N, C-alpha and C. Protein backbone atom coordinates (compact mmCIF):
# COMPACT_ATOMS: atom_id res chain seq x y z
N MET A 1 13.14 6.50 -7.92
CA MET A 1 12.74 7.56 -8.21
C MET A 1 13.80 7.65 -9.57
N LYS A 2 14.34 8.79 -9.76
CA LYS A 2 14.69 8.60 -11.33
C LYS A 2 14.90 10.61 -11.43
N SER A 3 16.06 11.27 -11.66
CA SER A 3 16.55 12.67 -11.99
C SER A 3 16.05 12.60 -12.18
N LEU A 4 15.89 14.22 -12.67
CA LEU A 4 15.54 15.29 -14.04
C LEU A 4 16.38 16.17 -14.41
N SER A 5 16.79 15.83 -13.58
CA SER A 5 18.84 16.46 -15.12
C SER A 5 19.47 15.46 -14.96
N GLU A 6 20.69 15.81 -15.77
CA GLU A 6 22.22 15.58 -14.97
C GLU A 6 22.97 16.56 -14.78
N VAL A 7 23.51 15.75 -14.38
CA VAL A 7 24.73 16.48 -12.84
C VAL A 7 25.71 15.81 -12.92
N ARG A 8 26.83 16.88 -13.27
CA ARG A 8 28.07 16.59 -13.90
C ARG A 8 28.89 17.06 -12.06
N GLY A 9 30.21 16.24 -11.77
CA GLY A 9 30.87 16.11 -10.68
C GLY A 9 31.87 17.57 -11.44
N ALA A 10 32.41 17.80 -12.32
CA ALA A 10 33.23 18.82 -12.56
C ALA A 10 32.34 20.20 -12.70
N SER A 11 30.44 20.36 -12.55
CA SER A 11 30.43 21.44 -12.41
C SER A 11 29.15 21.38 -12.39
N ALA A 12 30.01 20.79 -11.01
CA ALA A 12 28.05 20.98 -9.20
C ALA A 12 29.22 21.53 -8.43
N LYS A 13 28.19 22.40 -7.94
CA LYS A 13 28.35 22.75 -5.57
C LYS A 13 27.58 22.06 -5.10
N VAL A 14 28.75 22.01 -3.99
CA VAL A 14 27.86 21.61 -2.85
C VAL A 14 27.23 22.44 -2.41
N GLY A 15 26.20 22.03 -1.84
CA GLY A 15 24.60 22.36 -1.79
C GLY A 15 23.95 22.32 -2.66
N GLN A 16 23.98 22.73 -4.23
CA GLN A 16 23.84 22.24 -4.88
C GLN A 16 21.85 21.83 -5.24
N SER A 17 21.17 21.86 -5.51
CA SER A 17 19.78 21.08 -4.43
C SER A 17 19.27 20.36 -6.28
N VAL A 18 19.20 18.91 -6.55
CA VAL A 18 18.95 18.47 -7.55
C VAL A 18 16.99 17.95 -6.40
N ASP A 19 16.75 17.64 -8.50
CA ASP A 19 15.40 16.90 -7.96
C ASP A 19 15.12 15.73 -8.78
N PHE A 20 14.47 15.06 -8.25
CA PHE A 20 14.28 13.55 -8.22
C PHE A 20 12.70 13.46 -9.11
N GLU A 21 12.62 12.88 -9.41
CA GLU A 21 10.71 12.12 -9.89
C GLU A 21 10.49 10.60 -9.14
N VAL A 22 9.37 10.34 -7.98
CA VAL A 22 8.62 9.26 -8.09
C VAL A 22 8.37 9.15 -9.63
N SER A 23 9.11 7.85 -9.55
CA SER A 23 8.88 7.20 -11.38
C SER A 23 7.29 6.13 -11.02
N ARG A 24 6.69 5.51 -9.11
CA ARG A 24 6.02 4.77 -9.33
C ARG A 24 5.05 4.78 -8.40
N ASN A 25 3.67 4.70 -8.53
CA ASN A 25 3.58 4.76 -7.30
C ASN A 25 4.35 4.06 -6.07
N VAL A 26 4.37 4.81 -4.87
CA VAL A 26 3.42 3.89 -3.72
C VAL A 26 2.56 2.81 -2.94
N MET A 27 2.34 2.06 -2.66
CA MET A 27 1.07 1.68 -2.28
C MET A 27 1.40 1.48 -1.13
N ASP A 28 0.16 1.45 -0.24
CA ASP A 28 -0.28 0.98 0.92
C ASP A 28 -1.80 -0.20 0.87
N GLY A 29 -1.78 -1.35 0.77
CA GLY A 29 -3.07 -1.50 -0.11
C GLY A 29 -2.77 -1.63 -1.02
N ASP A 30 -4.55 -0.90 -1.55
CA ASP A 30 -4.53 -0.89 -1.90
C ASP A 30 -4.69 1.02 -2.37
N ASN A 31 -4.29 1.52 -1.39
CA ASN A 31 -4.84 3.56 -1.51
C ASN A 31 -2.55 3.42 -1.70
N VAL A 32 -2.57 4.77 -2.77
CA VAL A 32 -1.28 5.61 -3.14
C VAL A 32 -1.03 6.12 -1.76
N VAL A 33 0.47 5.84 -1.82
CA VAL A 33 0.35 6.84 0.16
C VAL A 33 1.80 8.20 -0.84
N ILE A 34 2.07 7.56 -1.85
CA ILE A 34 2.94 8.72 -2.82
C ILE A 34 2.76 8.28 -4.43
N PRO A 35 2.25 9.46 -4.55
CA PRO A 35 1.52 9.05 -6.10
C PRO A 35 3.12 9.24 -7.25
N ALA A 36 2.63 8.94 -7.80
CA ALA A 36 3.92 9.30 -8.91
C ALA A 36 3.80 9.67 -9.47
N GLY A 37 5.19 11.57 -10.07
CA GLY A 37 5.29 12.18 -10.39
C GLY A 37 5.74 13.16 -9.20
N SER A 38 5.64 13.08 -8.39
CA SER A 38 5.95 13.26 -6.73
C SER A 38 7.49 14.25 -6.57
N ILE A 39 7.86 15.23 -6.48
CA ILE A 39 8.77 16.09 -7.08
C ILE A 39 10.25 15.65 -5.02
N ALA A 40 11.09 15.02 -5.62
CA ALA A 40 12.06 15.40 -4.49
C ALA A 40 13.27 15.86 -4.00
N LYS A 41 13.93 15.60 -3.07
CA LYS A 41 15.18 16.84 -2.76
C LYS A 41 16.17 16.06 -2.75
N GLY A 42 17.17 16.88 -3.21
CA GLY A 42 18.20 15.59 -3.36
C GLY A 42 19.55 17.59 -2.52
N LYS A 43 20.96 16.92 -1.54
CA LYS A 43 21.88 17.89 -2.33
C LYS A 43 22.78 17.74 -2.10
N VAL A 44 23.95 18.22 -3.45
CA VAL A 44 24.96 17.75 -4.09
C VAL A 44 26.11 18.30 -2.36
N TYR A 45 27.05 17.15 -2.04
CA TYR A 45 27.34 16.92 -0.96
C TYR A 45 29.02 16.15 -1.29
N GLU A 46 29.27 16.41 -2.77
CA GLU A 46 31.12 16.07 -2.61
C GLU A 46 30.82 16.75 -4.56
N ALA A 47 32.13 16.92 -5.20
CA ALA A 47 31.71 17.56 -6.26
C ALA A 47 32.61 17.65 -7.58
N ARG A 48 33.86 16.49 -7.56
CA ARG A 48 35.60 17.44 -8.04
C ARG A 48 35.50 16.75 -9.97
N ARG A 49 36.01 17.25 -9.95
CA ARG A 49 36.08 16.99 -11.46
C ARG A 49 37.34 16.14 -12.09
N SER A 50 37.49 15.33 -12.56
CA SER A 50 38.73 14.37 -12.88
C SER A 50 39.66 15.33 -13.56
N SER A 51 41.25 14.75 -12.82
CA SER A 51 42.36 15.79 -13.13
C SER A 51 43.58 14.97 -14.13
N TRP A 52 44.06 15.51 -13.33
CA TRP A 52 46.14 14.53 -14.81
C TRP A 52 46.07 14.28 -13.82
N TRP A 53 47.06 13.28 -14.26
CA TRP A 53 48.02 12.31 -13.15
C TRP A 53 46.46 10.74 -12.88
N GLY A 54 45.85 10.74 -13.77
CA GLY A 54 44.47 9.60 -13.88
C GLY A 54 43.42 9.81 -12.40
N THR A 55 43.75 11.44 -11.76
CA THR A 55 42.47 11.16 -10.49
C THR A 55 40.71 10.98 -11.09
N LYS A 56 40.09 10.61 -10.67
CA LYS A 56 38.80 9.94 -10.68
C LYS A 56 37.81 10.61 -10.72
N GLY A 57 37.42 11.85 -10.52
CA GLY A 57 35.68 12.53 -10.83
C GLY A 57 35.13 12.28 -9.72
N LYS A 58 34.03 12.42 -9.02
CA LYS A 58 33.61 11.89 -7.66
C LYS A 58 32.44 12.45 -7.52
N LEU A 59 31.19 12.89 -6.93
CA LEU A 59 29.46 12.73 -7.25
C LEU A 59 29.13 12.95 -6.09
N GLY A 60 28.88 13.13 -5.15
CA GLY A 60 28.25 12.61 -3.64
C GLY A 60 26.63 13.50 -3.82
N ILE A 61 25.62 12.56 -3.93
CA ILE A 61 23.99 13.61 -3.79
C ILE A 61 23.70 12.99 -2.75
N LYS A 62 23.42 14.06 -1.06
CA LYS A 62 21.95 13.10 0.19
C LYS A 62 20.90 13.64 -0.68
N LEU A 63 20.00 12.55 -1.02
CA LEU A 63 18.76 12.93 -0.45
C LEU A 63 18.03 12.58 0.42
N SER A 64 17.13 13.99 0.34
CA SER A 64 16.63 14.48 1.70
C SER A 64 14.62 13.75 2.11
N HIS A 65 14.08 14.22 0.61
CA HIS A 65 12.64 14.35 1.58
C HIS A 65 12.13 14.24 0.58
N VAL A 66 10.31 13.64 0.26
CA VAL A 66 9.79 13.56 -0.96
C VAL A 66 8.77 14.66 -0.52
N THR A 67 7.84 15.82 -0.74
CA THR A 67 6.83 16.21 -0.53
C THR A 67 5.13 15.91 -1.33
N LEU A 68 4.73 15.85 0.22
CA LEU A 68 3.13 15.12 -1.24
C LEU A 68 2.43 16.12 -1.56
N PRO A 69 1.73 15.45 -1.72
CA PRO A 69 0.30 16.52 -2.59
C PRO A 69 0.01 17.61 -1.65
N ASN A 70 -0.65 17.02 -0.05
CA ASN A 70 -1.34 17.71 0.62
C ASN A 70 -0.21 18.73 1.59
N GLY A 71 1.14 18.39 1.13
CA GLY A 71 2.69 19.30 1.62
C GLY A 71 3.05 18.65 2.15
N THR A 72 2.62 17.38 3.19
CA THR A 72 3.76 17.08 3.90
C THR A 72 4.75 16.60 3.57
N ASP A 73 6.00 16.66 4.19
CA ASP A 73 7.53 15.87 3.75
C ASP A 73 7.96 14.94 4.36
N VAL A 74 7.70 13.86 2.90
CA VAL A 74 8.31 12.50 3.88
C VAL A 74 10.10 12.59 3.56
N TYR A 75 10.45 12.55 4.31
CA TYR A 75 12.38 12.26 4.91
C TYR A 75 12.93 11.00 4.75
N PHE A 76 14.23 10.83 3.87
CA PHE A 76 14.66 10.05 3.77
C PHE A 76 15.56 8.97 4.33
N THR A 77 16.79 7.72 4.72
CA THR A 77 18.23 7.71 5.08
C THR A 77 18.26 7.17 4.56
N SER A 78 18.96 6.86 4.81
CA SER A 78 20.20 5.82 3.52
C SER A 78 20.71 6.52 2.44
N SER A 79 20.74 7.30 2.04
CA SER A 79 20.35 7.91 0.47
C SER A 79 21.44 8.54 0.10
N ASP A 80 21.98 7.81 0.51
CA ASP A 80 22.87 8.48 -0.78
C ASP A 80 23.38 8.64 -1.56
N ILE A 81 23.51 9.21 -3.17
CA ILE A 81 24.25 8.73 -4.57
C ILE A 81 25.44 9.09 -3.98
N HIS A 82 26.05 7.47 -4.80
CA HIS A 82 28.07 8.21 -5.23
C HIS A 82 27.83 7.97 -6.13
N ILE A 83 28.40 8.73 -6.76
CA ILE A 83 28.80 8.23 -8.20
C ILE A 83 30.25 8.58 -8.80
N VAL A 84 30.99 7.48 -8.46
CA VAL A 84 32.47 7.98 -9.44
C VAL A 84 32.70 7.26 -10.60
N GLY A 85 33.95 8.10 -11.52
CA GLY A 85 34.67 7.59 -12.80
C GLY A 85 35.68 6.38 -11.67
N LYS A 86 36.36 6.16 -13.28
CA LYS A 86 37.14 5.36 -13.04
C LYS A 86 38.63 6.27 -12.25
N ASN A 87 39.49 5.54 -11.50
CA ASN A 87 40.92 5.41 -11.67
C ASN A 87 41.91 5.37 -12.44
N ARG A 88 42.44 6.06 -12.83
CA ARG A 88 43.86 6.20 -14.26
C ARG A 88 45.24 6.46 -13.72
N THR A 89 45.51 6.37 -12.50
CA THR A 89 46.16 7.57 -11.62
C THR A 89 47.65 5.94 -11.71
N PRO A 90 47.15 4.31 -11.36
CA PRO A 90 48.56 3.60 -12.08
C PRO A 90 49.16 3.53 -13.15
N LEU A 91 48.02 3.41 -14.36
CA LEU A 91 48.19 3.63 -15.43
C LEU A 91 48.96 5.29 -15.49
N THR A 92 48.45 6.26 -15.90
CA THR A 92 49.94 6.88 -15.48
C THR A 92 51.05 7.08 -15.59
N VAL A 93 51.12 6.62 -13.53
CA VAL A 93 52.22 7.05 -13.44
C VAL A 93 52.99 5.92 -13.65
N VAL A 94 52.63 4.17 -14.38
CA VAL A 94 53.74 3.20 -15.19
C VAL A 94 54.19 4.13 -16.46
N LEU A 95 52.75 4.92 -17.34
CA LEU A 95 53.51 5.32 -18.69
C LEU A 95 54.69 6.08 -18.35
N ALA A 96 54.58 7.29 -17.19
CA ALA A 96 55.14 8.51 -17.68
C ALA A 96 56.57 7.22 -17.03
N CYS A 97 56.69 6.80 -16.31
CA CYS A 97 58.07 5.77 -15.77
C CYS A 97 58.99 5.19 -17.07
N CYS A 98 57.92 4.77 -18.24
CA CYS A 98 58.61 3.71 -18.78
C CYS A 98 58.62 4.54 -20.40
N ALA A 99 57.87 5.67 -20.24
CA ALA A 99 57.35 6.22 -22.12
C ALA A 99 58.22 7.34 -21.27
N ALA A 100 57.00 8.66 -21.53
CA ALA A 100 57.51 9.96 -21.61
C ALA A 100 56.30 11.36 -20.70
N TRP A 101 57.09 12.20 -20.95
CA TRP A 101 55.97 12.68 -19.40
C TRP A 101 54.63 13.53 -19.76
N PRO A 102 53.77 13.57 -20.86
CA PRO A 102 53.18 13.54 -21.47
C PRO A 102 52.17 12.79 -20.97
N CYS A 103 52.39 12.21 -20.27
CA CYS A 103 51.22 10.94 -19.98
C CYS A 103 50.85 11.71 -18.38
N MET A 104 51.23 12.00 -17.61
CA MET A 104 50.63 12.81 -17.02
C MET A 104 49.30 14.37 -17.30
N PHE A 105 49.34 13.79 -17.96
CA PHE A 105 48.28 14.67 -18.99
C PHE A 105 47.41 13.28 -18.77
N ILE A 106 47.52 12.04 -19.22
CA ILE A 106 46.27 11.47 -18.36
C ILE A 106 45.12 11.63 -17.60
N CYS A 107 44.19 11.82 -17.90
CA CYS A 107 42.31 12.31 -16.75
C CYS A 107 42.04 10.97 -16.08
N GLY A 108 41.22 10.86 -15.86
CA GLY A 108 40.48 10.12 -15.10
C GLY A 108 39.23 10.47 -15.63
N SER A 109 38.21 9.02 -15.24
CA SER A 109 36.65 9.39 -16.08
C SER A 109 35.56 10.17 -15.40
N LYS A 110 35.23 11.08 -15.76
CA LYS A 110 34.02 11.92 -15.29
C LYS A 110 33.15 11.58 -14.65
N ALA A 111 32.47 11.79 -13.40
CA ALA A 111 31.24 11.65 -12.69
C ALA A 111 30.41 12.41 -13.17
N VAL A 112 29.45 11.71 -13.67
CA VAL A 112 27.58 11.85 -14.22
C VAL A 112 26.41 11.09 -13.43
N MET A 113 25.76 11.87 -13.04
CA MET A 113 24.69 11.38 -13.13
C MET A 113 24.14 11.56 -14.41
N PRO A 114 22.80 10.98 -15.13
CA PRO A 114 22.14 11.05 -16.26
C PRO A 114 21.23 11.35 -15.50
N THR A 115 20.43 12.07 -16.33
CA THR A 115 19.36 12.18 -16.62
C THR A 115 18.75 11.03 -16.91
N GLY A 116 17.12 10.87 -15.44
CA GLY A 116 17.19 9.57 -16.05
C GLY A 116 17.35 8.09 -15.06
N TYR A 117 18.48 9.57 -14.17
CA TYR A 117 19.00 7.06 -13.50
C TYR A 117 18.13 7.46 -12.27
N GLU A 118 18.30 6.32 -12.36
CA GLU A 118 17.38 5.71 -10.81
C GLU A 118 18.08 4.73 -9.50
N TYR A 119 17.10 5.24 -8.51
CA TYR A 119 17.34 5.15 -7.55
C TYR A 119 16.17 4.87 -6.36
N ASP A 120 16.75 4.07 -5.44
CA ASP A 120 15.90 3.09 -5.05
C ASP A 120 15.73 4.08 -3.66
N ALA A 121 14.98 5.41 -3.30
CA ALA A 121 14.90 5.61 -1.83
C ALA A 121 14.04 4.70 -0.23
N ARG A 122 15.02 4.87 1.24
CA ARG A 122 13.64 4.04 2.32
C ARG A 122 13.48 5.67 3.47
N VAL A 123 12.26 5.35 3.40
CA VAL A 123 11.67 7.13 4.13
C VAL A 123 12.42 7.12 5.88
N ALA A 124 12.06 7.42 6.38
CA ALA A 124 13.64 7.36 8.34
C ALA A 124 12.15 6.87 8.58
N ASN A 125 11.44 7.37 9.26
CA ASN A 125 10.74 6.57 9.73
C ASN A 125 8.94 6.76 9.50
N ASP A 126 8.36 6.26 10.48
CA ASP A 126 6.99 5.99 10.15
C ASP A 126 6.62 7.53 10.35
N THR A 127 5.32 6.80 8.95
CA THR A 127 5.04 8.53 8.57
C THR A 127 3.61 8.34 7.79
N SER A 128 2.43 9.08 9.01
CA SER A 128 1.12 8.59 8.75
C SER A 128 0.30 10.15 7.64
N VAL A 129 0.02 9.23 6.96
CA VAL A 129 0.06 10.16 5.63
C VAL A 129 -2.24 9.55 4.79
N SER A 130 -2.97 10.90 5.00
CA SER A 130 -3.94 10.19 5.29
C SER A 130 -4.67 9.87 3.80
N VAL A 131 -5.21 9.26 3.54
CA VAL A 131 -5.68 9.14 1.79
C VAL A 131 -6.61 9.44 1.52
N GLN A 132 -7.17 9.91 0.10
CA GLN A 132 -8.36 11.01 0.02
C GLN A 132 -8.88 9.79 -0.96
């Protein structure tokens, strides 16, 4: 599946809903059980912006479920997306000791999930699906 919008650790809120789209048909033999284009839901569980002293940004999203065309929800397991920026704390500490105090203003890199971010999810349990 792929994300439908960009999500940034600096601006996301814990509990915020995030939509994903199933990017290809999920098949059982010759039958499509989850059609491409189905919408999957996730929620932000961690969101932190990068900050002074090289602290990295963090973004955590837990995928919950996908709703099939017949209205059935199929739930996911072990479906945490965790994106972290680059930690620059050691660099800022060394530079602050050797150079000057303005080095403390160096920030770590941001945590961003771009639009179209691909993720493979796994269903939580066997689910009966009627195929038409």
